[in-house]
Structures are given as C-alpha cells and as structure tokens.
C-alpha atoms as a PDB file:
ATOM      1  CA  UNK A   1       0.074  -0.057   0.116  1.00  0.00           C
ATOM      2  CA  UNK A   2       2.746   2.328   0.629  1.00  0.00           C
ATOM      3  CA  UNK A   3       3.465   2.011  -3.233  1.00  0.00           C
ATOM      4  CA  UNK A   4      -0.421   2.613  -3.946  1.00  0.00           C
ATOM      5  CA  UNK A   5      -0.154   5.757  -1.551  1.00  0.00           C
ATOM      6  CA  UNK A   6       2.893   7.089  -2.720  1.00  0.00           C
ATOM      7  CA  UNK A   7       1.965   6.739  -6.324  1.00  0.00           C
ATOM      8  CA  UNK A   8      -1.462   8.359  -5.409  1.00  0.00           C
ATOM      9  CA  UNK A   9       0.192  11.263  -3.993  1.00  0.00           C
ATOM     10  CA  UNK A  10       2.450  11.483  -6.592  1.00  0.00           C
ATOM     11  CA  UNK A  11      -0.377  11.574  -9.017  1.00  0.00           C
ATOM     12  CA  UNK A  12      -2.455  14.192  -6.957  1.00  0.00           C
ATOM     13  CA  UNK A  13       0.912  16.523  -7.047  1.00  0.00           C
ATOM     14  CA  UNK A  14       1.444  15.973 -10.689  1.00  0.00           C
ATOM     15  CA  UNK A  15      -2.171  16.774 -11.588  1.00  0.00           C
ATOM     16  CA  UNK A  16      -1.812  19.815  -9.353  1.00  0.00           C
ATOM     17  CA  UNK A  17       1.395  20.922 -11.246  1.00  0.00           C
ATOM     18  CA  UNK A  18      -0.153  20.451 -14.396  1.00  0.00           C
ATOM     19  CA  UNK A  19      -3.481  22.488 -13.283  1.00  0.00           C
ATOM     20  CA  UNK A  20      -0.926  24.878 -11.289  1.00  0.00           C
ATOM     21  CA  UNK A  21       1.270  25.414 -15.173  1.00  0.00           C
ATOM     22  CA  UNK A  22      -1.406  25.350 -17.187  1.00  0.00           C
ATOM     23  CA  UNK A  23      -3.582  28.250 -14.755  1.00  0.00           C
ATOM     24  CA  UNK A  24      -0.414  30.326 -14.299  1.00  0.00           C
ATOM     25  CA  UNK A  25       2.475  29.620 -16.132  1.00  0.00           C
ATOM     26  CA  UNK A  26       1.271  28.407 -19.387  1.00  0.00           C
ATOM     27  CA  UNK A  27      -0.872  31.707 -20.885  1.00  0.00           C
ATOM     28  CA  UNK A  28       2.147  33.834 -20.131  1.00  0.00           C
ATOM     29  CA  UNK A  29       4.407  31.897 -22.483  1.00  0.00           C
ATOM     30  CA  UNK A  30       1.462  31.041 -25.098  1.00  0.00           C
ATOM     31  CA  UNK A  31       0.659  34.881 -25.067  1.00  0.00           C
ATOM     32  CA  UNK A  32       4.764  35.506 -25.608  1.00  0.00           C
ATOM     33  CA  UNK A  33       4.982  32.912 -28.541  1.00  0.00           C
ATOM     34  CA  UNK A  34       2.134  34.458 -29.938  1.00  0.00           C
ATOM     35  CA  UNK A  35       3.297  37.828 -30.023  1.00  0.00           C
ATOM     36  CA  UNK A  36       6.486  36.290 -31.488  1.00  0.00           C
ATOM     37  CA  UNK A  37       5.072  34.943 -34.041  1.00  0.00           C
ATOM     38  CA  UNK A  38       3.091  38.076 -34.592  1.00  0.00           C
ATOM     39  CA  UNK A  39       6.253  39.808 -34.848  1.00  0.00           C
ATOM     40  CA  UNK A  40       7.445  37.543 -37.282  1.00  0.00           C
ATOM     41  CA  UNK A  41       4.858  37.631 -39.779  1.00  0.00           C
ATOM     42  CA  UNK A  42       4.744  41.136 -39.555  1.00  0.00           C
ATOM     43  CA  UNK A  43       8.540  41.364 -40.369  1.00  0.00           C
ATOM     44  CA  UNK A  44       7.928  39.198 -43.148  1.00  0.00           C
ATOM     45  CA  UNK A  45       4.858  41.211 -44.442  1.00  0.00           C
ATOM     46  CA  UNK A  46       6.830  44.094 -43.820  1.00  0.00           C
ATOM     47  CA  UNK A  47       9.881  42.367 -46.022  1.00  0.00           C
ATOM     48  CA  UNK A  48       7.637  41.602 -49.220  1.00  0.00           C
ATOM     49  CA  UNK A  49       6.375  45.124 -48.976  1.00  0.00           C
ATOM     50  CA  UNK A  50       9.480  46.380 -49.177  1.00  0.00           C
ATOM     51  CA  UNK A  51      10.647  43.929 -52.070  1.00  0.00           C
ATOM     52  CA  UNK A  52       7.343  44.895 -53.808  1.00  0.00           C
ATOM     53  CA  UNK A  53       8.135  48.748 -52.953  1.00  0.00           C
ATOM     54  CA  UNK A  54      11.993  48.277 -54.563  1.00  0.00           C
ATOM     55  CA  UNK A  55      10.728  46.535 -57.377  1.00  0.00           C
ATOM     56  CA  UNK A  56       8.386  49.340 -58.450  1.00  0.00           C
ATOM     57  CA  UNK A  57      10.637  52.439 -57.046  1.00  0.00           C
ATOM     58  CA  UNK A  58      13.502  50.496 -59.517  1.00  0.00           C
ATOM     59  CA  UNK A  59      11.015  50.098 -62.654  1.00  0.00           C
ATOM     60  CA  UNK A  60      10.000  53.961 -61.587  1.00  0.00           C
ATOM     61  CA  UNK A  61      13.504  54.750 -61.561  1.00  0.00           C
ATOM     62  CA  UNK A  62      14.270  52.871 -64.902  1.00  0.00           C
ATOM     63  CA  UNK A  63      11.334  55.016 -66.556  1.00  0.00           C
ATOM     64  CA  UNK A  64      12.374  57.721 -65.371  1.00  0.00           C
ATOM     65  CA  UNK A  65      16.062  57.682 -66.372  1.00  0.00           C
ATOM     66  CA  UNK A  66      14.622  56.458 -70.006  1.00  0.00           C
ATOM     67  CA  UNK A  67      12.307  59.772 -70.039  1.00  0.00           C
ATOM     68  CA  UNK A  68      15.441  61.956 -69.046  1.00  0.00           C
ATOM     69  CA  UNK A  69      17.542  60.205 -71.709  1.00  0.00           C
ATOM     70  CA  UNK A  70      14.652  61.108 -74.420  1.00  0.00           C
ATOM     71  CA  UNK A  71      14.573  64.433 -72.998  1.00  0.00           C
ATOM     72  CA  UNK A  72      18.358  65.111 -73.004  1.00  0.00           C
ATOM     73  CA  UNK A  73      18.266  63.794 -76.603  1.00  0.00           C
ATOM     74  CA  UNK A  74      15.614  65.763 -77.551  1.00  0.00           C
ATOM     75  CA  UNK A  75      17.268  68.916 -76.213  1.00  0.00           C
ATOM     76  CA  UNK A  76      20.570  68.232 -77.762  1.00  0.00           C
ATOM     77  CA  UNK A  77      18.377  67.587 -81.399  1.00  0.00           C
ATOM     78  CA  UNK A  78      16.671  71.129 -80.314  1.00  0.00           C
ATOM     79  CA  UNK A  79      20.233  72.655 -79.695  1.00  0.00           C
ATOM     80  CA  UNK A  80      22.111  71.435 -83.114  1.00  0.00           C
ATOM     81  CA  UNK A  81      19.362  72.406 -84.724  1.00  0.00           C
ATOM     82  CA  UNK A  82      19.361  75.918 -83.512  1.00  0.00           C
ATOM     83  CA  UNK A  83      23.329  75.806 -84.059  1.00  0.00           C
ATOM     84  CA  UNK A  84      22.756  74.958 -87.435  1.00  0.00           C
ATOM     85  CA  UNK A  85      19.947  77.597 -87.945  1.00  0.00           C
ATOM     86  CA  UNK A  86      22.253  80.027 -86.130  1.00  0.00           C
ATOM     87  CA  UNK A  87      25.268  79.144 -88.141  1.00  0.00           C
ATOM     88  CA  UNK A  88      23.398  79.256 -91.864  1.00  0.00           C
ATOM     89  CA  UNK A  89      21.544  82.515 -90.874  1.00  0.00           C
ATOM     90  CA  UNK A  90      25.298  83.998 -89.911  1.00  0.00           C
ATOM     91  CA  UNK A  91      26.804  82.875 -93.268  1.00  0.00           C
ATOM     92  CA  UNK A  92      23.592  84.103 -94.946  1.00  0.00           C
ATOM     93  CA  UNK A  93      24.250  87.448 -93.232  1.00  0.00           C
ATOM     94  CA  UNK A  94      28.323  87.106 -93.927  1.00  0.00           C
ATOM     95  CA  UNK A  95      27.129  86.985 -97.607  1.00  0.00           C
ATOM     96  CA  UNK A  96      25.059  89.682 -97.637  1.00  0.00           C
ATOM     97  CA  UNK A  97      27.377  92.288 -96.273  1.00  0.00           C
ATOM     98  CA  UNK A  98      29.914  90.928 -98.714  1.00  0.00           C
ATOM     99  CA  UNK A  99      27.943  91.474-101.417  1.00  0.00           C
ATOM    100  CA  UNK A 100      26.671  94.786-100.242  1.00  0.00           C
ATOM    101  CA  UNK A 101      30.282  95.598 -99.489  1.00  0.00           C
ATOM    102  CA  UNK A 102      31.037  94.370-103.519  1.00  0.00           C
ATOM    103  CA  UNK A 103      28.264  96.137-104.908  1.00  0.00           C
ATOM    104  CA  UNK A 104      29.490  99.489-102.798  1.00  0.00           C
ATOM    105  CA  UNK A 105      33.167  99.034-104.074  1.00  0.00           C
ATOM    106  CA  UNK A 106      31.837  98.476-107.684  1.00  0.00           C
ATOM    107  CA  UNK A 107      29.831 101.621-107.249  1.00  0.00           C
ATOM    108  CA  UNK A 108      32.637 103.489-106.060  1.00  0.00           C
ATOM    109  CA  UNK A 109      34.914 101.914-108.257  1.00  0.00           C
ATOM    110  CA  UNK A 110      32.249 103.342-111.713  1.00  0.00           C
ATOM    111  CA  UNK A 111      32.461 106.820-109.897  1.00  0.00           C
ATOM    112  CA  UNK A 112      36.254 106.744-109.443  1.00  0.00           C
ATOM    113  CA  UNK A 113      36.190 106.041-113.011  1.00  0.00           C
ATOM    114  CA  UNK A 114      33.775 108.221-114.152  1.00  0.00           C
ATOM    115  CA  UNK A 115      35.391 110.977-112.354  1.00  0.00           C
ATOM    116  CA  UNK A 116      38.906 110.185-114.245  1.00  0.00           C
ATOM    117  CA  UNK A 117      37.342 110.068-117.493  1.00  0.00           C
ATOM    118  CA  UNK A 118      36.018 113.237-116.781  1.00  0.00           C
ATOM    119  CA  UNK A 119      39.243 114.568-115.303  1.00  0.00           C
ATOM    120  CA  UNK A 120      40.803 112.935-118.831  1.00  0.00           C
ATOM    121  CA  UNK A 121      38.316 114.891-121.111  1.00  0.00           C
ATOM    122  CA  UNK A 122      38.724 118.149-119.516  1.00  0.00           C
ATOM    123  CA  UNK A 123      42.885 117.928-119.955  1.00  0.00           C
ATOM    124  CA  UNK A 124      42.496 116.634-123.372  1.00  0.00           C
ATOM    125  CA  UNK A 125      40.199 119.480-124.019  1.00  0.00           C
ATOM    126  CA  UNK A 126      42.910 121.725-122.573  1.00  0.00           C
ATOM    127  CA  UNK A 127      45.434 119.923-124.462  1.00  0.00           C
ATOM    128  CA  UNK A 128      43.762 120.562-127.698  1.00  0.00           C
ATOM    129  CA  UNK A 129      42.579 124.009-127.146  1.00  0.00           C
ATOM    130  CA  UNK A 130      46.684 124.835-126.188  1.00  0.00           C
ATOM    131  CA  UNK A 131      47.143 123.012-129.510  1.00  0.00           C
ATOM    132  CA  UNK A 132      45.104 124.665-131.280  1.00  0.00           C
ATOM    133  CA  UNK A 133      45.932 128.000-129.918  1.00  0.00           C
ATOM    134  CA  UNK A 134      49.550 127.356-130.555  1.00  0.00           C
ATOM    135  CA  UNK A 135      48.877 126.354-133.890  1.00  0.00           C
ATOM    136  CA  UNK A 136      46.880 129.592-134.609  1.00  0.00           C
ATOM    137  CA  UNK A 137      49.498 131.755-132.802  1.00  0.00           C
ATOM    138  CA  UNK A 138      46.493 133.982-131.072  1.00  0.00           C
ATOM    139  CA  UNK A 139      44.675 134.145-128.025  1.00  0.00           C
ATOM    140  CA  UNK A 140      41.412 132.286-127.715  1.00  0.00           C
ATOM    141  CA  UNK A 141      38.447 134.462-125.717  1.00  0.00           C
ATOM    142  CA  UNK A 142      37.804 132.827-122.524  1.00  0.00           C
ATOM    143  CA  UNK A 143      34.266 132.743-123.095  1.00  0.00           C
ATOM    144  CA  UNK A 144      34.770 131.356-126.127  1.00  0.00           C
ATOM    145  CA  UNK A 145      36.994 128.625-125.143  1.00  0.00           C
ATOM    146  CA  UNK A 146      34.543 127.925-122.564  1.00  0.00           C
ATOM    147  CA  UNK A 147      32.116 127.202-125.080  1.00  0.00           C
ATOM    148  CA  UNK A 148      34.249 124.979-126.824  1.00  0.00           C
ATOM    149  CA  UNK A 149      35.489 122.833-124.234  1.00  0.00           C
ATOM    150  CA  UNK A 150      31.457 122.274-123.059  1.00  0.00           C
ATOM    151  CA  UNK A 151      31.265 120.747-126.631  1.00  0.00           C
ATOM    152  CA  UNK A 152      34.374 118.628-126.674  1.00  0.00           C
ATOM    153  CA  UNK A 153      32.804 117.251-123.474  1.00  0.00           C
ATOM    154  CA  UNK A 154      29.854 116.271-124.989  1.00  0.00           C
ATOM    155  CA  UNK A 155      31.098 115.080-127.794  1.00  0.00           C
ATOM    156  CA  UNK A 156      33.855 112.691-125.946  1.00  0.00           C
ATOM    157  CA  UNK A 157      30.957 110.877-124.101  1.00  0.00           C
END
C-alpha cells in the first residue's frame, strides 16, 4: 500500500502541478509565443512589402531615366538644330554683307572711273585748245574757250 499511496500522492501532486502550470505558467508563455509569431509575421509582411516597393521604385527609376534620356536627346537635337540655324543665318548675313560691300566697292570704282574719265576729257580738251592756240598763234577768247570745252566734253561722252 505504501506504493499505492505514494503513487496516488505523486499523481495528485502531478495533477496539481499540471493544473497550476496550465493556469498560471502556460498562458504567459503562449501569449509570448503568439506575440513573437505575430512580430515575425509582421516582419515577413514588411519585408515582402519592402521588396515589392523596391521593385516598383526600380521600375520608376528606370522609367524616369528613360524619360530623362529622351528629354536630353530631344534637347540635344533641338540645340543642334538651333546651332545649325544660327550658323546658316550667320553665313547668310555674312554673304549679304559681302555682297553689299562688293556692290559698294563696284559703285565707288565706277564713280572713280567716271571721275577719271571726266578729268581725262577735261585735260584732253585743255590740250586740244592749247594745241589749237599754238597752231593759230593767237589768243582765244575765254568765253569761246569755255564753250569749246563744253562742246568737246559733250562729244567725248
């Protein structure tokens, strides 16, 4: 009986220990395990969300880079077109200025040639009168001299 009473006492103590453990020890352990499981689940969800956000951000960055490259390409093309237009305009302006300068030089040369011709005609007329005066050995009237020069100028033109 000793064995039975000891066994029975041990069973009662064990059952009391189990009841005490289930009532006072087990709930905080289960609560702590549930909180830990919830934290782990939240961490995994946050990691998945972060991974998804990272993929979306990389996609947006790629798209922004593509847009920036296109924009830079468009700007470069516009700048090249503008530079070409400016060079063409400058060339056209230079050609116009050169043409005006050439035209002015030609006009001035024509005017100088005309002045030289007029001077030459005047000198020829003077020489002709001087030659005629020497031939005739007489003095020619100044008014007649001016009339002869004017007529000679008209004939030489």
